[in-house]
Amino acid sequence: MKILADILLMVNNLSLLQTSNQGKDENSPLQLAINYINTNFDKNLDLYTIAKNSYVSVNKLCSLFKDNLNTTVIKFLTSKRISNAKKMLDNGHTIIDTAYASGFNDYANFIRVFKATVGVSPGKYGKLHK
């Protein structure tokens, strides 16, 4: 009985260790998702595609981001896209080129999301950072 208890304790500790290391291993589903987003943010991405390329379900993917990064997958993706857009605008690219190269398929949506995230429109941001 003592041996069984010791085995169960070791299994539990191993499980806790794996959970606490979630996202730190380059092959973990979370890291795979982050890498996939970082490489493909300029494409038309959805939760299913990101989850599929991370080898987890959509629900698991959402849980991983919420539990480990305290954000949603979509907010993470949007942040990556806005970060790229800011760099492009800083380098003098047009707003429309920036929108599409940053993964926004709709120009009006890009303007709305950029302003909501950054606090100013892309045009004003570009003028402020020349």
N, C-alpha and C. Protein backbone atom coordinates (compact mmCIF):
# COMPACT_ATOMS: atom_id res chain seq x y z
N MET A 1 0.83 -1.20 0.00
CA MET A 1 0.00 0.00 0.00
C MET A 1 0.87 1.26 0.00
N LYS A 2 1.98 1.23 0.75
CA LYS A 2 2.91 2.36 0.81
C LYS A 2 3.52 2.61 -0.56
N ILE A 3 3.85 1.55 -1.29
CA ILE A 3 4.44 1.70 -2.61
C ILE A 3 3.44 2.36 -3.56
N LEU A 4 2.19 1.96 -3.50
CA LEU A 4 1.16 2.55 -4.34
C LEU A 4 1.01 4.04 -4.02
N ALA A 5 1.01 4.38 -2.77
CA ALA A 5 0.90 5.79 -2.36
C ALA A 5 2.09 6.58 -2.88
N ASP A 6 3.29 6.02 -2.80
CA ASP A 6 4.49 6.69 -3.30
C ASP A 6 4.42 6.90 -4.81
N ILE A 7 3.94 5.88 -5.51
CA ILE A 7 3.82 5.99 -6.97
C ILE A 7 2.81 7.07 -7.34
N LEU A 8 1.67 7.08 -6.65
CA LEU A 8 0.66 8.10 -6.92
C LEU A 8 1.18 9.50 -6.62
N LEU A 9 1.96 9.64 -5.57
CA LEU A 9 2.55 10.92 -5.22
C LEU A 9 3.54 11.36 -6.29
N MET A 10 4.35 10.44 -6.79
CA MET A 10 5.32 10.78 -7.85
C MET A 10 4.60 11.18 -9.13
N VAL A 11 3.54 10.47 -9.48
CA VAL A 11 2.77 10.79 -10.68
C VAL A 11 2.14 12.17 -10.54
N ASN A 12 1.61 12.46 -9.37
CA ASN A 12 1.00 13.76 -9.12
C ASN A 12 2.05 14.88 -9.23
N ASN A 13 3.22 14.67 -8.64
CA ASN A 13 4.28 15.68 -8.69
C ASN A 13 4.76 15.89 -10.13
N LEU A 14 4.87 14.81 -10.89
CA LEU A 14 5.27 14.92 -12.28
C LEU A 14 4.23 15.72 -13.08
N SER A 15 2.99 15.45 -12.80
CA SER A 15 1.91 16.17 -13.47
C SER A 15 1.97 17.66 -13.14
N LEU A 16 2.19 17.99 -11.87
CA LEU A 16 2.30 19.39 -11.47
C LEU A 16 3.50 20.06 -12.13
N LEU A 17 4.60 19.35 -12.23
CA LEU A 17 5.80 19.88 -12.85
C LEU A 17 5.56 20.17 -14.33
N GLN A 18 4.90 19.25 -15.01
CA GLN A 18 4.61 19.45 -16.43
C GLN A 18 3.67 20.63 -16.63
N THR A 19 2.69 20.78 -15.74
CA THR A 19 1.75 21.89 -15.83
C THR A 19 2.46 23.22 -15.60
N SER A 20 3.36 23.27 -14.63
CA SER A 20 4.06 24.52 -14.33
C SER A 20 5.04 24.89 -15.44
N ASN A 21 5.50 23.92 -16.22
CA ASN A 21 6.43 24.18 -17.31
C ASN A 21 5.70 24.43 -18.63
N GLN A 22 4.38 24.38 -18.62
CA GLN A 22 3.60 24.54 -19.83
C GLN A 22 3.95 25.88 -20.48
N GLY A 23 4.27 25.90 -21.74
CA GLY A 23 4.58 27.12 -22.44
C GLY A 23 6.06 27.45 -22.46
N LYS A 24 6.86 26.79 -21.63
CA LYS A 24 8.29 27.07 -21.59
C LYS A 24 9.05 26.18 -22.56
N ASP A 25 8.51 25.02 -22.84
CA ASP A 25 9.13 24.08 -23.78
C ASP A 25 8.79 24.55 -25.20
N GLU A 26 9.81 24.59 -26.06
CA GLU A 26 9.57 25.09 -27.42
C GLU A 26 8.60 24.22 -28.21
N ASN A 27 8.36 22.99 -27.78
CA ASN A 27 7.41 22.12 -28.46
C ASN A 27 6.07 22.02 -27.74
N SER A 28 5.88 22.83 -26.71
CA SER A 28 4.60 22.82 -26.01
C SER A 28 3.54 23.42 -26.93
N PRO A 29 2.29 23.03 -26.75
CA PRO A 29 1.23 23.59 -27.59
C PRO A 29 1.18 25.12 -27.53
N LEU A 30 1.42 25.69 -26.35
CA LEU A 30 1.40 27.15 -26.24
C LEU A 30 2.52 27.77 -27.07
N GLN A 31 3.71 27.24 -26.96
CA GLN A 31 4.84 27.79 -27.72
C GLN A 31 4.64 27.57 -29.22
N LEU A 32 4.09 26.42 -29.59
CA LEU A 32 3.79 26.18 -31.00
C LEU A 32 2.79 27.21 -31.53
N ALA A 33 1.79 27.52 -30.72
CA ALA A 33 0.78 28.51 -31.12
C ALA A 33 1.41 29.89 -31.26
N ILE A 34 2.23 30.28 -30.30
CA ILE A 34 2.90 31.58 -30.35
C ILE A 34 3.79 31.67 -31.59
N ASN A 35 4.56 30.63 -31.82
CA ASN A 35 5.43 30.62 -33.01
C ASN A 35 4.62 30.69 -34.30
N TYR A 36 3.50 29.97 -34.33
CA TYR A 36 2.66 29.97 -35.52
C TYR A 36 2.08 31.37 -35.76
N ILE A 37 1.62 32.00 -34.70
CA ILE A 37 1.07 33.36 -34.82
C ILE A 37 2.17 34.33 -35.26
N ASN A 38 3.33 34.24 -34.64
CA ASN A 38 4.42 35.15 -34.99
C ASN A 38 4.86 35.01 -36.44
N THR A 39 4.74 33.81 -36.98
CA THR A 39 5.14 33.56 -38.37
C THR A 39 4.04 33.88 -39.37
N ASN A 40 2.78 33.76 -38.94
CA ASN A 40 1.67 33.84 -39.88
C ASN A 40 0.65 34.94 -39.57
N PHE A 41 1.00 35.89 -38.71
CA PHE A 41 0.04 36.93 -38.31
C PHE A 41 -0.50 37.72 -39.51
N ASP A 42 0.25 37.77 -40.58
CA ASP A 42 -0.15 38.54 -41.76
C ASP A 42 -1.15 37.80 -42.64
N LYS A 43 -1.44 36.57 -42.29
CA LYS A 43 -2.40 35.76 -43.05
C LYS A 43 -3.76 35.77 -42.36
N ASN A 44 -4.74 35.22 -43.03
CA ASN A 44 -6.08 35.13 -42.47
C ASN A 44 -6.12 33.96 -41.48
N LEU A 45 -5.95 34.25 -40.20
CA LEU A 45 -5.91 33.20 -39.17
C LEU A 45 -7.22 33.14 -38.41
N ASP A 46 -7.56 31.93 -37.98
CA ASP A 46 -8.68 31.75 -37.08
C ASP A 46 -8.26 30.78 -35.97
N LEU A 47 -9.08 30.70 -34.94
CA LEU A 47 -8.74 29.85 -33.79
C LEU A 47 -8.51 28.40 -34.19
N TYR A 48 -9.35 27.90 -35.09
CA TYR A 48 -9.24 26.49 -35.50
C TYR A 48 -7.88 26.22 -36.14
N THR A 49 -7.44 27.10 -37.02
CA THR A 49 -6.16 26.92 -37.71
C THR A 49 -4.99 26.97 -36.74
N ILE A 50 -5.03 27.92 -35.82
CA ILE A 50 -3.96 28.03 -34.83
C ILE A 50 -3.94 26.79 -33.93
N ALA A 51 -5.11 26.36 -33.49
CA ALA A 51 -5.19 25.16 -32.64
C ALA A 51 -4.70 23.93 -33.38
N LYS A 52 -5.10 23.79 -34.63
CA LYS A 52 -4.69 22.64 -35.43
C LYS A 52 -3.17 22.58 -35.56
N ASN A 53 -2.54 23.71 -35.77
CA ASN A 53 -1.08 23.76 -35.91
C ASN A 53 -0.35 23.67 -34.57
N SER A 54 -1.11 23.71 -33.48
CA SER A 54 -0.55 23.55 -32.14
C SER A 54 -0.90 22.19 -31.55
N TYR A 55 -1.65 21.39 -32.31
CA TYR A 55 -2.02 20.03 -31.92
C TYR A 55 -2.89 19.97 -30.67
N VAL A 56 -3.78 20.95 -30.51
CA VAL A 56 -4.73 20.96 -29.41
C VAL A 56 -6.09 21.40 -29.93
N SER A 57 -7.10 21.24 -29.10
CA SER A 57 -8.44 21.71 -29.47
C SER A 57 -8.50 23.23 -29.30
N VAL A 58 -9.51 23.82 -29.87
CA VAL A 58 -9.70 25.26 -29.73
C VAL A 58 -9.88 25.63 -28.26
N ASN A 59 -10.67 24.82 -27.54
CA ASN A 59 -10.89 25.10 -26.12
C ASN A 59 -9.60 25.04 -25.32
N LYS A 60 -8.77 24.05 -25.60
CA LYS A 60 -7.50 23.91 -24.90
C LYS A 60 -6.58 25.08 -25.23
N LEU A 61 -6.54 25.46 -26.49
CA LEU A 61 -5.73 26.61 -26.91
C LEU A 61 -6.13 27.87 -26.16
N CYS A 62 -7.42 28.13 -26.09
CA CYS A 62 -7.91 29.31 -25.38
C CYS A 62 -7.55 29.26 -23.91
N SER A 63 -7.66 28.09 -23.32
CA SER A 63 -7.29 27.93 -21.90
C SER A 63 -5.81 28.17 -21.68
N LEU A 64 -4.97 27.66 -22.57
CA LEU A 64 -3.53 27.86 -22.44
C LEU A 64 -3.16 29.34 -22.46
N PHE A 65 -3.76 30.09 -23.37
CA PHE A 65 -3.45 31.52 -23.44
C PHE A 65 -3.96 32.24 -22.20
N LYS A 66 -5.16 31.91 -21.78
CA LYS A 66 -5.75 32.58 -20.61
C LYS A 66 -4.95 32.25 -19.35
N ASP A 67 -4.61 30.99 -19.16
CA ASP A 67 -3.94 30.55 -17.93
C ASP A 67 -2.47 30.98 -17.88
N ASN A 68 -1.79 30.99 -19.02
CA ASN A 68 -0.35 31.27 -19.03
C ASN A 68 0.02 32.70 -19.40
N LEU A 69 -0.80 33.33 -20.23
CA LEU A 69 -0.47 34.67 -20.71
C LEU A 69 -1.47 35.73 -20.26
N ASN A 70 -2.52 35.28 -19.61
CA ASN A 70 -3.57 36.17 -19.10
C ASN A 70 -4.17 37.03 -20.22
N THR A 71 -4.32 36.44 -21.38
CA THR A 71 -4.95 37.12 -22.50
C THR A 71 -5.64 36.07 -23.37
N THR A 72 -6.37 36.54 -24.36
CA THR A 72 -7.01 35.61 -25.29
C THR A 72 -6.12 35.45 -26.53
N VAL A 73 -6.39 34.42 -27.29
CA VAL A 73 -5.63 34.18 -28.52
C VAL A 73 -5.84 35.35 -29.48
N ILE A 74 -7.06 35.80 -29.60
CA ILE A 74 -7.38 36.88 -30.54
C ILE A 74 -6.71 38.18 -30.11
N LYS A 75 -6.70 38.47 -28.82
CA LYS A 75 -6.01 39.68 -28.35
C LYS A 75 -4.51 39.59 -28.59
N PHE A 76 -3.95 38.40 -28.41
CA PHE A 76 -2.52 38.20 -28.67
C PHE A 76 -2.23 38.43 -30.16
N LEU A 77 -3.04 37.85 -31.02
CA LEU A 77 -2.88 38.00 -32.47
C LEU A 77 -3.03 39.47 -32.87
N THR A 78 -4.03 40.13 -32.34
CA THR A 78 -4.25 41.54 -32.65
C THR A 78 -3.08 42.39 -32.20
N SER A 79 -2.55 42.09 -31.03
CA SER A 79 -1.39 42.82 -30.52
C SER A 79 -0.19 42.67 -31.45
N LYS A 80 0.03 41.46 -31.93
CA LYS A 80 1.12 41.20 -32.87
C LYS A 80 0.91 41.99 -34.16
N ARG A 81 -0.31 42.01 -34.65
CA ARG A 81 -0.62 42.73 -35.88
C ARG A 81 -0.44 44.24 -35.71
N ILE A 82 -0.90 44.77 -34.59
CA ILE A 82 -0.76 46.21 -34.34
C ILE A 82 0.70 46.58 -34.16
N SER A 83 1.47 45.73 -33.50
CA SER A 83 2.90 45.98 -33.33
C SER A 83 3.59 46.07 -34.68
N ASN A 84 3.25 45.15 -35.58
CA ASN A 84 3.82 45.18 -36.93
C ASN A 84 3.38 46.43 -37.66
N ALA A 85 2.11 46.80 -37.53
CA ALA A 85 1.59 47.99 -38.20
C ALA A 85 2.33 49.25 -37.73
N LYS A 86 2.58 49.35 -36.45
CA LYS A 86 3.30 50.51 -35.93
C LYS A 86 4.71 50.60 -36.52
N LYS A 87 5.39 49.46 -36.61
CA LYS A 87 6.73 49.45 -37.20
C LYS A 87 6.68 49.89 -38.66
N MET A 88 5.69 49.38 -39.39
CA MET A 88 5.58 49.74 -40.80
C MET A 88 5.29 51.23 -40.97
N LEU A 89 4.39 51.77 -40.15
CA LEU A 89 4.07 53.19 -40.24
C LEU A 89 5.29 54.03 -39.86
N ASP A 90 6.05 53.57 -38.87
CA ASP A 90 7.29 54.26 -38.48
C ASP A 90 8.27 54.31 -39.65
N ASN A 91 8.22 53.30 -40.51
CA ASN A 91 9.14 53.22 -41.65
C ASN A 91 8.58 53.86 -42.91
N GLY A 92 7.44 54.56 -42.77
CA GLY A 92 6.91 55.33 -43.89
C GLY A 92 5.98 54.61 -44.84
N HIS A 93 5.54 53.41 -44.51
CA HIS A 93 4.61 52.68 -45.39
C HIS A 93 3.23 53.36 -45.37
N THR A 94 2.50 53.18 -46.44
CA THR A 94 1.15 53.74 -46.50
C THR A 94 0.23 52.98 -45.55
N ILE A 95 -0.85 53.61 -45.18
CA ILE A 95 -1.80 52.99 -44.25
C ILE A 95 -2.41 51.75 -44.87
N ILE A 96 -2.79 51.83 -46.12
CA ILE A 96 -3.45 50.67 -46.75
C ILE A 96 -2.47 49.50 -46.90
N ASP A 97 -1.23 49.78 -47.29
CA ASP A 97 -0.23 48.70 -47.38
C ASP A 97 0.01 48.09 -46.00
N THR A 98 0.08 48.95 -45.00
CA THR A 98 0.31 48.50 -43.62
C THR A 98 -0.83 47.60 -43.15
N ALA A 99 -2.05 48.01 -43.44
CA ALA A 99 -3.22 47.24 -43.01
C ALA A 99 -3.16 45.82 -43.54
N TYR A 100 -2.98 45.69 -44.84
CA TYR A 100 -2.99 44.36 -45.45
C TYR A 100 -1.75 43.54 -45.11
N ALA A 101 -0.60 44.19 -45.01
CA ALA A 101 0.63 43.47 -44.67
C ALA A 101 0.64 43.02 -43.21
N SER A 102 -0.23 43.62 -42.40
CA SER A 102 -0.31 43.25 -40.98
C SER A 102 -1.42 42.24 -40.70
N GLY A 103 -2.06 41.77 -41.74
CA GLY A 103 -3.05 40.71 -41.56
C GLY A 103 -4.49 41.17 -41.46
N PHE A 104 -4.73 42.45 -41.67
CA PHE A 104 -6.11 42.95 -41.65
C PHE A 104 -6.66 42.88 -43.06
N ASN A 105 -7.77 42.20 -43.22
CA ASN A 105 -8.37 42.03 -44.55
C ASN A 105 -9.36 43.13 -44.88
N ASP A 106 -9.62 43.99 -43.92
CA ASP A 106 -10.60 45.05 -44.08
C ASP A 106 -9.98 46.35 -43.60
N TYR A 107 -9.86 47.30 -44.50
CA TYR A 107 -9.21 48.58 -44.19
C TYR A 107 -9.91 49.31 -43.05
N ALA A 108 -11.24 49.37 -43.10
CA ALA A 108 -12.01 50.07 -42.06
C ALA A 108 -11.81 49.41 -40.70
N ASN A 109 -11.77 48.09 -40.69
CA ASN A 109 -11.55 47.36 -39.44
C ASN A 109 -10.16 47.66 -38.89
N PHE A 110 -9.16 47.75 -39.78
CA PHE A 110 -7.81 48.09 -39.34
C PHE A 110 -7.80 49.46 -38.66
N ILE A 111 -8.44 50.45 -39.28
CA ILE A 111 -8.48 51.80 -38.71
C ILE A 111 -9.12 51.76 -37.31
N ARG A 112 -10.24 51.06 -37.21
CA ARG A 112 -10.98 50.97 -35.95
C ARG A 112 -10.14 50.29 -34.87
N VAL A 113 -9.55 49.13 -35.20
CA VAL A 113 -8.77 48.37 -34.21
C VAL A 113 -7.50 49.13 -33.83
N PHE A 114 -6.85 49.75 -34.80
CA PHE A 114 -5.62 50.50 -34.52
C PHE A 114 -5.93 51.64 -33.54
N LYS A 115 -6.98 52.40 -33.83
CA LYS A 115 -7.33 53.54 -32.98
C LYS A 115 -7.73 53.08 -31.58
N ALA A 116 -8.47 51.99 -31.50
CA ALA A 116 -8.88 51.46 -30.19
C ALA A 116 -7.69 50.96 -29.38
N THR A 117 -6.69 50.42 -30.06
CA THR A 117 -5.53 49.85 -29.39
C THR A 117 -4.47 50.90 -29.06
N VAL A 118 -4.16 51.75 -30.03
CA VAL A 118 -3.06 52.70 -29.88
C VAL A 118 -3.53 54.04 -29.29
N GLY A 119 -4.78 54.39 -29.56
CA GLY A 119 -5.31 55.64 -29.02
C GLY A 119 -5.40 56.75 -30.04
N VAL A 120 -4.77 56.57 -31.19
CA VAL A 120 -4.86 57.52 -32.30
C VAL A 120 -5.03 56.74 -33.59
N SER A 121 -5.50 57.41 -34.62
CA SER A 121 -5.68 56.75 -35.91
C SER A 121 -4.30 56.46 -36.52
N PRO A 122 -4.24 55.53 -37.46
CA PRO A 122 -2.96 55.24 -38.11
C PRO A 122 -2.37 56.47 -38.81
N GLY A 123 -3.22 57.30 -39.41
CA GLY A 123 -2.74 58.51 -40.08
C GLY A 123 -2.08 59.46 -39.09
N LYS A 124 -2.74 59.66 -37.97
CA LYS A 124 -2.18 60.55 -36.95
C LYS A 124 -0.91 59.95 -36.35
N TYR A 125 -0.91 58.64 -36.14
CA TYR A 125 0.28 57.97 -35.62
C TYR A 125 1.46 58.16 -36.56
N GLY A 126 1.22 57.98 -37.85
CA GLY A 126 2.26 58.15 -38.84
C GLY A 126 2.84 59.56 -38.84
N LYS A 127 1.96 60.57 -38.70
CA LYS A 127 2.40 61.96 -38.66
C LYS A 127 3.20 62.25 -37.38
N LEU A 128 2.78 61.67 -36.28
CA LEU A 128 3.47 61.90 -35.00
C LEU A 128 4.85 61.25 -34.94
N HIS A 129 5.05 60.22 -35.76
CA HIS A 129 6.28 59.46 -35.68
C HIS A 129 7.19 59.64 -36.91
N LYS A 130 7.02 60.74 -37.59
CA LYS A 130 7.89 61.03 -38.76
C LYS A 130 9.15 61.71 -38.29
